């Protein structure tokens, strides 16, 4: 094979390889559903207590934020 033919063949192979790189298969399940399912599976596996503790901590944080907001509203009403 001549150097020109070898170069052309290499270029064609590179183009053919790159042509398939742009395509991606669409996921069968959306990300939110997959995350919810993974969380449920994690609750039952070895990390169940950690996952439950994390969820409890998030709930406590939300509760604290709610109470702080209520207190801020009460202070604002008293200052008017």
C-alpha atoms as a PDB file:
ATOM      1  CA  UNK A   1       0.000   0.000   0.000  1.00  0.00           C
ATOM      2  CA  UNK A   2       1.287   3.427  -0.807  1.00  0.00           C
ATOM      3  CA  UNK A   3       1.630   6.051   1.898  1.00  0.00           C
ATOM      4  CA  UNK A   4      -1.213   8.083   0.374  1.00  0.00           C
ATOM      5  CA  UNK A   5      -3.561   5.096   0.420  1.00  0.00           C
ATOM      6  CA  UNK A   6      -2.529   4.212   3.964  1.00  0.00           C
ATOM      7  CA  UNK A   7      -3.221   7.779   5.098  1.00  0.00           C
ATOM      8  CA  UNK A   8      -6.582   7.814   3.349  1.00  0.00           C
ATOM      9  CA  UNK A   9      -7.516   4.492   4.890  1.00  0.00           C
ATOM     10  CA  UNK A  10      -6.548   5.744   8.343  1.00  0.00           C
ATOM     11  CA  UNK A  11      -8.612   8.904   7.837  1.00  0.00           C
ATOM     12  CA  UNK A  12     -11.642   6.883   6.751  1.00  0.00           C
ATOM     13  CA  UNK A  13     -11.337   4.611   9.791  1.00  0.00           C
ATOM     14  CA  UNK A  14     -11.030   7.613  12.110  1.00  0.00           C
ATOM     15  CA  UNK A  15     -14.101   9.253  10.590  1.00  0.00           C
ATOM     16  CA  UNK A  16     -16.064   6.018  10.865  1.00  0.00           C
ATOM     17  CA  UNK A  17     -15.071   5.637  14.516  1.00  0.00           C
ATOM     18  CA  UNK A  18     -16.034   9.212  15.354  1.00  0.00           C
ATOM     19  CA  UNK A  19     -19.359   8.953  13.541  1.00  0.00           C
ATOM     20  CA  UNK A  20     -20.696   6.553  16.159  1.00  0.00           C
ATOM     21  CA  UNK A  21     -19.518   8.638  19.116  1.00  0.00           C
ATOM     22  CA  UNK A  22     -22.217  11.284  18.802  1.00  0.00           C
ATOM     23  CA  UNK A  23     -25.122   8.893  19.215  1.00  0.00           C
ATOM     24  CA  UNK A  24     -26.360   8.037  22.635  1.00  0.00           C
ATOM     25  CA  UNK A  25     -29.206   5.810  23.589  1.00  0.00           C
ATOM     26  CA  UNK A  26     -31.991   7.484  25.463  1.00  0.00           C
ATOM     27  CA  UNK A  27     -32.418   6.173  29.004  1.00  0.00           C
ATOM     28  CA  UNK A  28     -35.279   3.798  29.596  1.00  0.00           C
ATOM     29  CA  UNK A  29     -36.186   5.468  32.891  1.00  0.00           C
ATOM     30  CA  UNK A  30     -35.898   9.139  33.763  1.00  0.00           C
ATOM     31  CA  UNK A  31     -33.302  10.218  36.303  1.00  0.00           C
ATOM     32  CA  UNK A  32     -35.777  11.194  39.027  1.00  0.00           C
ATOM     33  CA  UNK A  33     -37.471   7.798  38.942  1.00  0.00           C
ATOM     34  CA  UNK A  34     -34.141   5.983  38.980  1.00  0.00           C
ATOM     35  CA  UNK A  35     -32.940   8.046  41.943  1.00  0.00           C
ATOM     36  CA  UNK A  36     -36.139   7.360  43.908  1.00  0.00           C
ATOM     37  CA  UNK A  37     -35.879   3.632  43.199  1.00  0.00           C
ATOM     38  CA  UNK A  38     -32.207   3.589  44.187  1.00  0.00           C
ATOM     39  CA  UNK A  39     -33.012   5.342  47.453  1.00  0.00           C
ATOM     40  CA  UNK A  40     -35.694   2.780  48.255  1.00  0.00           C
ATOM     41  CA  UNK A  41     -33.279  -0.061  47.468  1.00  0.00           C
ATOM     42  CA  UNK A  42     -30.606   1.549  49.640  1.00  0.00           C
ATOM     43  CA  UNK A  43     -32.992   1.695  52.597  1.00  0.00           C
ATOM     44  CA  UNK A  44     -33.227  -2.081  52.539  1.00  0.00           C
ATOM     45  CA  UNK A  45     -29.561  -2.853  51.885  1.00  0.00           C
ATOM     46  CA  UNK A  46     -26.488  -2.579  54.075  1.00  0.00           C
ATOM     47  CA  UNK A  47     -26.672   1.226  54.076  1.00  0.00           C
ATOM     48  CA  UNK A  48     -30.289   1.332  55.233  1.00  0.00           C
ATOM     49  CA  UNK A  49     -29.618   2.908  58.617  1.00  0.00           C
ATOM     50  CA  UNK A  50     -27.394   5.568  57.050  1.00  0.00           C
ATOM     51  CA  UNK A  51     -30.003   6.430  54.419  1.00  0.00           C
ATOM     52  CA  UNK A  52     -32.736   6.619  57.038  1.00  0.00           C
ATOM     53  CA  UNK A  53     -30.553   8.795  59.269  1.00  0.00           C
ATOM     54  CA  UNK A  54     -29.856  11.124  56.352  1.00  0.00           C
ATOM     55  CA  UNK A  55     -33.559  11.454  55.583  1.00  0.00           C
ATOM     56  CA  UNK A  56     -34.303  12.114  59.256  1.00  0.00           C
ATOM     57  CA  UNK A  57     -31.606  14.798  59.358  1.00  0.00           C
ATOM     58  CA  UNK A  58     -33.098  16.481  56.290  1.00  0.00           C
ATOM     59  CA  UNK A  59     -36.537  16.416  57.922  1.00  0.00           C
ATOM     60  CA  UNK A  60     -35.145  17.927  61.127  1.00  0.00           C
ATOM     61  CA  UNK A  61     -33.418  20.639  59.095  1.00  0.00           C
ATOM     62  CA  UNK A  62     -36.648  21.474  57.283  1.00  0.00           C
ATOM     63  CA  UNK A  63     -38.509  21.591  60.588  1.00  0.00           C
ATOM     64  CA  UNK A  64     -35.904  23.926  62.100  1.00  0.00           C
ATOM     65  CA  UNK A  65     -36.116  26.215  59.064  1.00  0.00           C
ATOM     66  CA  UNK A  66     -39.904  26.320  59.369  1.00  0.00           C
ATOM     67  CA  UNK A  67     -39.745  27.172  63.069  1.00  0.00           C
ATOM     68  CA  UNK A  68     -37.123  29.855  62.478  1.00  0.00           C
ATOM     69  CA  UNK A  69     -39.274  31.397  59.765  1.00  0.00           C
ATOM     70  CA  UNK A  70     -42.290  31.401  62.081  1.00  0.00           C
ATOM     71  CA  UNK A  71     -40.242  33.080  64.810  1.00  0.00           C
ATOM     72  CA  UNK A  72     -38.951  35.665  62.346  1.00  0.00           C
ATOM     73  CA  UNK A  73     -42.509  36.417  61.265  1.00  0.00           C
ATOM     74  CA  UNK A  74     -43.563  36.817  64.911  1.00  0.00           C
ATOM     75  CA  UNK A  75     -40.666  39.215  65.585  1.00  0.00           C
ATOM     76  CA  UNK A  76     -41.531  41.205  62.466  1.00  0.00           C
ATOM     77  CA  UNK A  77     -45.169  41.502  63.597  1.00  0.00           C
ATOM     78  CA  UNK A  78     -44.114  42.654  67.074  1.00  0.00           C
ATOM     79  CA  UNK A  79     -41.769  45.295  65.674  1.00  0.00           C
ATOM     80  CA  UNK A  80     -44.481  46.940  63.556  1.00  0.00           C
END
